[in-house]
PDB file of N, CA and C in Angstrom:
ATOM      1  N   UNK A   1      44.667 -39.898 -36.228  1.00  0.00           N
ATOM      2  CA  UNK A   1      44.606 -40.118 -34.779  1.00  0.00           C
ATOM      3  C   UNK A   1      45.338 -41.400 -34.429  1.00  0.00           C
ATOM      4  N   UNK A   2      46.504 -41.251 -33.898  1.00  0.00           N
ATOM      5  CA  UNK A   2      47.230 -42.447 -33.489  1.00  0.00           C
ATOM      6  C   UNK A   2      47.112 -42.625 -31.983  1.00  0.00           C
ATOM      7  N   UNK A   3      47.464 -43.755 -31.486  1.00  0.00           N
ATOM      8  CA  UNK A   3      47.296 -44.120 -30.082  1.00  0.00           C
ATOM      9  C   UNK A   3      48.115 -43.271 -29.137  1.00  0.00           C
ATOM     10  N   UNK A   4      49.285 -42.792 -29.607  1.00  0.00           N
ATOM     11  CA  UNK A   4      50.145 -41.997 -28.723  1.00  0.00           C
ATOM     12  C   UNK A   4      49.497 -40.659 -28.373  1.00  0.00           C
ATOM     13  N   UNK A   5      48.825 -40.050 -29.326  1.00  0.00           N
ATOM     14  CA  UNK A   5      48.179 -38.762 -29.081  1.00  0.00           C
ATOM     15  C   UNK A   5      47.085 -38.913 -28.023  1.00  0.00           C
ATOM     16  N   UNK A   6      46.288 -39.967 -28.156  1.00  0.00           N
ATOM     17  CA  UNK A   6      45.205 -40.220 -27.191  1.00  0.00           C
ATOM     18  C   UNK A   6      45.762 -40.511 -25.803  1.00  0.00           C
ATOM     19  N   UNK A   7      46.825 -41.283 -25.732  1.00  0.00           N
ATOM     20  CA  UNK A   7      47.429 -41.627 -24.447  1.00  0.00           C
ATOM     21  C   UNK A   7      48.023 -40.375 -23.798  1.00  0.00           C
ATOM     22  N   UNK A   8      48.560 -39.486 -24.586  1.00  0.00           N
ATOM     23  CA  UNK A   8      49.133 -38.254 -24.047  1.00  0.00           C
ATOM     24  C   UNK A   8      48.057 -37.362 -23.448  1.00  0.00           C
ATOM     25  N   UNK A   9      46.904 -37.246 -24.117  1.00  0.00           N
ATOM     26  CA  UNK A   9      45.805 -36.428 -23.599  1.00  0.00           C
ATOM     27  C   UNK A   9      45.252 -37.045 -22.311  1.00  0.00           C
ATOM     28  N   UNK A  10      45.105 -38.351 -22.279  1.00  0.00           N
ATOM     29  CA  UNK A  10      44.575 -39.034 -21.097  1.00  0.00           C
ATOM     30  C   UNK A  10      45.512 -38.841 -19.911  1.00  0.00           C
ATOM     31  N   UNK A  11      46.811 -38.884 -20.157  1.00  0.00           N
ATOM     32  CA  UNK A  11      47.780 -38.705 -19.076  1.00  0.00           C
ATOM     33  C   UNK A  11      47.740 -37.267 -18.570  1.00  0.00           C
ATOM     34  N   UNK A  12      47.558 -36.292 -19.467  1.00  0.00           N
ATOM     35  CA  UNK A  12      47.508 -34.887 -19.060  1.00  0.00           C
ATOM     36  C   UNK A  12      46.250 -34.630 -18.219  1.00  0.00           C
ATOM     37  N   UNK A  13      45.127 -35.235 -18.605  1.00  0.00           N
ATOM     38  CA  UNK A  13      43.885 -35.050 -17.842  1.00  0.00           C
ATOM     39  C   UNK A  13      43.953 -35.747 -16.493  1.00  0.00           C
ATOM     40  N   UNK A  14      44.640 -36.856 -16.428  1.00  0.00           N
ATOM     41  CA  UNK A  14      44.727 -37.616 -15.187  1.00  0.00           C
ATOM     42  C   UNK A  14      45.577 -36.876 -14.144  1.00  0.00           C
ATOM     43  N   UNK A  15      46.499 -36.032 -14.599  1.00  0.00           N
ATOM     44  CA  UNK A  15      47.356 -35.318 -13.658  1.00  0.00           C
ATOM     45  C   UNK A  15      46.584 -34.253 -12.882  1.00  0.00           C
ATOM     46  N   UNK A  16      45.631 -33.577 -13.519  1.00  0.00           N
ATOM     47  CA  UNK A  16      44.865 -32.528 -12.855  1.00  0.00           C
ATOM     48  C   UNK A  16      43.812 -33.131 -11.932  1.00  0.00           C
ATOM     49  N   UNK A  17      43.433 -32.360 -10.885  1.00  0.00           N
ATOM     50  CA  UNK A  17      42.399 -32.840  -9.971  1.00  0.00           C
ATOM     51  C   UNK A  17      41.030 -32.618 -10.579  1.00  0.00           C
ATOM     52  N   UNK A  18      40.142 -33.500 -10.268  1.00  0.00           N
ATOM     53  CA  UNK A  18      38.763 -33.390 -10.723  1.00  0.00           C
ATOM     54  C   UNK A  18      38.130 -32.144 -10.086  1.00  0.00           C
ATOM     55  N   UNK A  19      37.495 -31.262 -10.850  1.00  0.00           N
ATOM     56  CA  UNK A  19      36.873 -30.058 -10.276  1.00  0.00           C
ATOM     57  C   UNK A  19      35.816 -30.379  -9.211  1.00  0.00           C
ATOM     58  N   UNK A  20      35.101 -31.454  -9.410  1.00  0.00           N
ATOM     59  CA  UNK A  20      34.115 -31.875  -8.404  1.00  0.00           C
ATOM     60  C   UNK A  20      34.780 -32.219  -7.084  1.00  0.00           C
ATOM     61  N   UNK A  21      35.934 -32.835  -7.153  1.00  0.00           N
ATOM     62  CA  UNK A  21      36.674 -33.187  -5.947  1.00  0.00           C
ATOM     63  C   UNK A  21      37.164 -31.931  -5.230  1.00  0.00           C
ATOM     64  N   UNK A  22      37.592 -30.944  -6.001  1.00  0.00           N
ATOM     65  CA  UNK A  22      38.063 -29.692  -5.401  1.00  0.00           C
ATOM     66  C   UNK A  22      36.921 -29.009  -4.657  1.00  0.00           C
ATOM     67  N   UNK A  23      35.748 -28.929  -5.305  1.00  0.00           N
ATOM     68  CA  UNK A  23      34.589 -28.301  -4.663  1.00  0.00           C
ATOM     69  C   UNK A  23      34.208 -29.059  -3.397  1.00  0.00           C
ATOM     70  N   UNK A  24      34.223 -30.372  -3.487  1.00  0.00           N
ATOM     71  CA  UNK A  24      33.891 -31.198  -2.327  1.00  0.00           C
ATOM     72  C   UNK A  24      34.865 -30.946  -1.179  1.00  0.00           C
ATOM     73  N   UNK A  25      36.135 -30.851  -1.487  1.00  0.00           N
ATOM     74  CA  UNK A  25      37.141 -30.592  -0.451  1.00  0.00           C
ATOM     75  C   UNK A  25      36.990 -29.184   0.131  1.00  0.00           C
ATOM     76  N   UNK A  26      36.750 -28.195  -0.728  1.00  0.00           N
ATOM     77  CA  UNK A  26      36.646 -26.801  -0.263  1.00  0.00           C
ATOM     78  C   UNK A  26      35.435 -26.625   0.650  1.00  0.00           C
ATOM     79  N   UNK A  27      34.354 -27.331   0.372  1.00  0.00           N
ATOM     80  CA  UNK A  27      33.149 -27.220   1.209  1.00  0.00           C
ATOM     81  C   UNK A  27      33.177 -28.229   2.357  1.00  0.00           C
ATOM     82  N   UNK A  28      33.616 -29.425   2.065  1.00  0.00           N
ATOM     83  CA  UNK A  28      33.541 -30.508   3.047  1.00  0.00           C
ATOM     84  C   UNK A  28      34.505 -30.380   4.202  1.00  0.00           C
ATOM     85  N   UNK A  29      35.739 -30.017   3.933  1.00  0.00           N
ATOM     86  CA  UNK A  29      36.750 -29.950   4.998  1.00  0.00           C
ATOM     87  C   UNK A  29      36.396 -28.883   6.036  1.00  0.00           C
ATOM     88  N   UNK A  30      36.077 -27.647   5.643  1.00  0.00           N
ATOM     89  CA  UNK A  30      35.685 -26.667   6.676  1.00  0.00           C
ATOM     90  C   UNK A  30      34.425 -27.077   7.435  1.00  0.00           C
ATOM     91  N   UNK A  31      33.490 -27.708   6.761  1.00  0.00           N
ATOM     92  CA  UNK A  31      32.266 -28.153   7.426  1.00  0.00           C
ATOM     93  C   UNK A  31      32.577 -29.200   8.491  1.00  0.00           C
ATOM     94  N   UNK A  32      33.413 -30.149   8.167  1.00  0.00           N
ATOM     95  CA  UNK A  32      33.784 -31.185   9.130  1.00  0.00           C
ATOM     96  C   UNK A  32      34.563 -30.566  10.295  1.00  0.00           C
ATOM     97  N   UNK A  33      35.476 -29.653   9.996  1.00  0.00           N
ATOM     98  CA  UNK A  33      36.241 -28.982  11.055  1.00  0.00           C
ATOM     99  C   UNK A  33      35.299 -28.209  11.974  1.00  0.00           C
ATOM    100  N   UNK A  34      34.321 -27.505  11.404  1.00  0.00           N
ATOM    101  CA  UNK A  34      33.349 -26.741  12.173  1.00  0.00           C
ATOM    102  C   UNK A  34      32.545 -27.647  13.104  1.00  0.00           C
ATOM    103  N   UNK A  35      32.059 -28.763  12.573  1.00  0.00           N
ATOM    104  CA  UNK A  35      31.246 -29.678  13.383  1.00  0.00           C
ATOM    105  C   UNK A  35      32.068 -30.311  14.502  1.00  0.00           C
ATOM    106  N   UNK A  36      33.284 -30.716  14.211  1.00  0.00           N
ATOM    107  CA  UNK A  36      34.143 -31.322  15.229  1.00  0.00           C
ATOM    108  C   UNK A  36      34.474 -30.304  16.313  1.00  0.00           C
ATOM    109  N   UNK A  37      34.774 -29.067  15.913  1.00  0.00           N
ATOM    110  CA  UNK A  37      35.091 -28.021  16.894  1.00  0.00           C
ATOM    111  C   UNK A  37      33.883 -27.731  17.783  1.00  0.00           C
ATOM    112  N   UNK A  38      32.692 -27.691  17.199  1.00  0.00           N
ATOM    113  CA  UNK A  38      31.487 -27.474  17.997  1.00  0.00           C
ATOM    114  C   UNK A  38      31.293 -28.584  19.016  1.00  0.00           C
ATOM    115  N   UNK A  39      31.515 -29.814  18.608  1.00  0.00           N
ATOM    116  CA  UNK A  39      31.343 -30.945  19.517  1.00  0.00           C
ATOM    117  C   UNK A  39      32.354 -30.870  20.664  1.00  0.00           C
ATOM    118  N   UNK A  40      33.599 -30.544  20.323  1.00  0.00           N
ATOM    119  CA  UNK A  40      34.644 -30.445  21.351  1.00  0.00           C
ATOM    120  C   UNK A  40      34.303 -29.345  22.351  1.00  0.00           C
ATOM    121  N   UNK A  41      33.856 -28.183  21.857  1.00  0.00           N
ATOM    122  CA  UNK A  41      33.488 -27.092  22.767  1.00  0.00           C
ATOM    123  C   UNK A  41      32.284 -27.458  23.622  1.00  0.00           C
ATOM    124  N   UNK A  42      31.324 -28.185  23.047  1.00  0.00           N
ATOM    125  CA  UNK A  42      30.143 -28.609  23.808  1.00  0.00           C
ATOM    126  C   UNK A  42      30.538 -29.534  24.951  1.00  0.00           C
ATOM    127  N   UNK A  43      31.396 -30.509  24.658  1.00  0.00           N
ATOM    128  CA  UNK A  43      31.842 -31.443  25.688  1.00  0.00           C
ATOM    129  C   UNK A  43      32.621 -30.710  26.773  1.00  0.00           C
ATOM    130  N   UNK A  44      33.484 -29.773  26.368  1.00  0.00           N
ATOM    131  CA  UNK A  44      34.260 -28.983  27.332  1.00  0.00           C
ATOM    132  C   UNK A  44      33.326 -28.176  28.228  1.00  0.00           C
ATOM    133  N   UNK A  45      32.314 -27.553  27.627  1.00  0.00           N
ATOM    134  CA  UNK A  45      31.382 -26.722  28.399  1.00  0.00           C
ATOM    135  C   UNK A  45      30.579 -27.575  29.380  1.00  0.00           C
ATOM    136  N   UNK A  46      30.200 -28.762  28.978  1.00  0.00           N
ATOM    137  CA  UNK A  46      29.423 -29.631  29.872  1.00  0.00           C
ATOM    138  C   UNK A  46      30.240 -30.020  31.099  1.00  0.00           C
ATOM    139  N   UNK A  47      31.531 -30.198  30.918  1.00  0.00           N
ATOM    140  CA  UNK A  47      32.381 -30.631  32.032  1.00  0.00           C
ATOM    141  C   UNK A  47      32.798 -29.477  32.935  1.00  0.00           C
ATOM    142  N   UNK A  48      33.072 -28.312  32.357  1.00  0.00           N
ATOM    143  CA  UNK A  48      33.758 -27.263  33.110  1.00  0.00           C
ATOM    144  C   UNK A  48      32.915 -26.070  33.531  1.00  0.00           C
ATOM    145  N   UNK A  49      31.831 -25.789  32.832  1.00  0.00           N
ATOM    146  CA  UNK A  49      31.047 -24.612  33.199  1.00  0.00           C
ATOM    147  C   UNK A  49      30.065 -24.968  34.310  1.00  0.00           C
ATOM    148  N   UNK A  50      29.807 -24.022  35.237  1.00  0.00           N
ATOM    149  CA  UNK A  50      28.826 -24.299  36.289  1.00  0.00           C
ATOM    150  C   UNK A  50      27.418 -24.348  35.697  1.00  0.00           C
ATOM    151  N   UNK A  51      26.503 -25.055  36.358  1.00  0.00           N
ATOM    152  CA  UNK A  51      25.131 -25.117  35.831  1.00  0.00           C
ATOM    153  C   UNK A  51      24.473 -23.744  35.873  1.00  0.00           C
ATOM    154  N   UNK A  52      23.530 -23.536  34.981  1.00  0.00           N
ATOM    155  CA  UNK A  52      22.825 -22.254  34.917  1.00  0.00           C
ATOM    156  C   UNK A  52      21.953 -22.058  36.138  1.00  0.00           C
ATOM    157  N   UNK A  53      21.865 -20.801  36.569  1.00  0.00           N
ATOM    158  CA  UNK A  53      20.988 -20.487  37.695  1.00  0.00           C
ATOM    159  C   UNK A  53      19.555 -20.449  37.189  1.00  0.00           C
ATOM    160  N   UNK A  54      18.645 -20.982  37.992  1.00  0.00           N
ATOM    161  CA  UNK A  54      17.235 -20.950  37.615  1.00  0.00           C
ATOM    162  C   UNK A  54      16.676 -19.562  37.881  1.00  0.00           C
ATOM    163  N   UNK A  55      15.724 -19.165  37.042  1.00  0.00           N
ATOM    164  CA  UNK A  55      15.076 -17.875  37.246  1.00  0.00           C
ATOM    165  C   UNK A  55      14.220 -17.948  38.500  1.00  0.00           C
ATOM    166  N   UNK A  56      14.159 -16.875  39.271  1.00  0.00           N
ATOM    167  CA  UNK A  56      13.287 -16.893  40.456  1.00  0.00           C
ATOM    168  C   UNK A  56      11.819 -16.955  40.025  1.00  0.00           C
ATOM    169  N   UNK A  57      11.048 -17.771  40.751  1.00  0.00           N
ATOM    170  CA  UNK A  57       9.639 -17.935  40.429  1.00  0.00           C
ATOM    171  C   UNK A  57       8.860 -16.852  41.167  1.00  0.00           C
ATOM    172  N   UNK A  58       7.943 -16.212  40.464  1.00  0.00           N
ATOM    173  CA  UNK A  58       7.176 -15.131  41.076  1.00  0.00           C
ATOM    174  C   UNK A  58       6.196 -15.686  42.114  1.00  0.00           C
ATOM    175  N   UNK A  59       5.808 -14.826  43.055  1.00  0.00           N
ATOM    176  CA  UNK A  59       4.877 -15.242  44.107  1.00  0.00           C
ATOM    177  C   UNK A  59       3.531 -15.628  43.516  1.00  0.00           C
ATOM    178  N   UNK A  60       3.144 -14.938  42.457  1.00  0.00           N
ATOM    179  CA  UNK A  60       1.879 -15.233  41.799  1.00  0.00           C
ATOM    180  C   UNK A  60       1.872 -16.681  41.278  1.00  0.00           C
ATOM    181  N   UNK A  61       2.982 -17.069  40.628  1.00  0.00           N
ATOM    182  CA  UNK A  61       3.080 -18.424  40.086  1.00  0.00           C
ATOM    183  C   UNK A  61       3.102 -19.455  41.217  1.00  0.00           C
ATOM    184  N   UNK A  62       3.787 -19.140  42.316  1.00  0.00           N
ATOM    185  CA  UNK A  62       3.821 -20.060  43.451  1.00  0.00           C
ATOM    186  C   UNK A  62       2.409 -20.298  43.982  1.00  0.00           C
ATOM    187  N   UNK A  63       1.635 -19.212  44.128  1.00  0.00           N
ATOM    188  CA  UNK A  63       0.250 -19.330  44.607  1.00  0.00           C
ATOM    189  C   UNK A  63      -0.556 -20.211  43.673  1.00  0.00           C
ATOM    190  N   UNK A  64      -0.421 -19.954  42.371  1.00  0.00           N
ATOM    191  CA  UNK A  64      -1.179 -20.711  41.373  1.00  0.00           C
ATOM    192  C   UNK A  64      -0.850 -22.204  41.458  1.00  0.00           C
ATOM    193  N   UNK A  65       0.458 -22.516  41.551  1.00  0.00           N
ATOM    194  CA  UNK A  65       0.875 -23.921  41.636  1.00  0.00           C
ATOM    195  C   UNK A  65       0.331 -24.585  42.902  1.00  0.00           C
ATOM    196  N   UNK A  66       0.395 -23.883  44.016  1.00  0.00           N
ATOM    197  CA  UNK A  66      -0.086 -24.465  45.269  1.00  0.00           C
ATOM    198  C   UNK A  66      -1.586 -24.691  45.226  1.00  0.00           C
ATOM    199  N   UNK A  67      -2.319 -23.773  44.589  1.00  0.00           N
ATOM    200  CA  UNK A  67      -3.761 -23.950  44.458  1.00  0.00           C
ATOM    201  C   UNK A  67      -4.092 -25.164  43.596  1.00  0.00           C
ATOM    202  N   UNK A  68      -3.296 -25.370  42.539  1.00  0.00           N
ATOM    203  CA  UNK A  68      -3.508 -26.537  41.686  1.00  0.00           C
ATOM    204  C   UNK A  68      -3.297 -27.827  42.469  1.00  0.00           C
ATOM    205  N   UNK A  69      -2.313 -27.830  43.371  1.00  0.00           N
ATOM    206  CA  UNK A  69      -2.005 -29.036  44.149  1.00  0.00           C
ATOM    207  C   UNK A  69      -2.948 -29.200  45.338  1.00  0.00           C
ATOM    208  N   UNK A  70      -3.718 -28.179  45.653  1.00  0.00           N
ATOM    209  CA  UNK A  70      -4.662 -28.255  46.751  1.00  0.00           C
ATOM    210  C   UNK A  70      -4.066 -27.917  48.086  1.00  0.00           C
ATOM    211  N   UNK A  71      -2.894 -27.307  48.113  1.00  0.00           N
ATOM    212  CA  UNK A  71      -2.264 -26.907  49.364  1.00  0.00           C
ATOM    213  C   UNK A  71      -2.768 -25.514  49.719  1.00  0.00           C
ATOM    214  N   UNK A  72      -3.256 -25.305  50.919  1.00  0.00           N
ATOM    215  CA  UNK A  72      -3.738 -23.961  51.285  1.00  0.00           C
ATOM    216  C   UNK A  72      -2.573 -22.962  51.343  1.00  0.00           C
ATOM    217  N   UNK A  73      -2.761 -21.795  50.733  1.00  0.00           N
ATOM    218  CA  UNK A  73      -1.725 -20.778  50.685  1.00  0.00           C
ATOM    219  C   UNK A  73      -1.768 -20.007  52.001  1.00  0.00           C
ATOM    220  N   UNK A  74      -0.609 -19.852  52.677  1.00  0.00           N
ATOM    221  CA  UNK A  74      -0.607 -19.124  53.938  1.00  0.00           C
ATOM    222  C   UNK A  74      -0.980 -17.649  53.734  1.00  0.00           C
ATOM    223  N   UNK A  75      -1.731 -17.115  54.663  1.00  0.00           N
ATOM    224  CA  UNK A  75      -2.115 -15.715  54.570  1.00  0.00           C
ATOM    225  C   UNK A  75      -3.442 -15.499  53.880  1.00  0.00           C
ATOM    226  N   UNK A  76      -4.138 -16.569  53.535  1.00  0.00           N
ATOM    227  CA  UNK A  76      -5.453 -16.428  52.919  1.00  0.00           C
ATOM    228  C   UNK A  76      -6.513 -17.133  53.711  1.00  0.00           C
TER     229      UNK A  76
END
């Protein structure tokens, strides 16, 4: 075992990418792109889409709320 053989193997291994780094890039890059795209779409939607319409409240619920507040319900 001479020094040149060891140096040659070390140089050959150094040229290839670390498998852990490849896995990290394959999983990490799409994840970051996904999160950034979601944030951009969220900000766009907050600025440009109209606010949601509220559901109509039923008459029964209106009566119940008014009774809780102590306001007399008309018609009773």
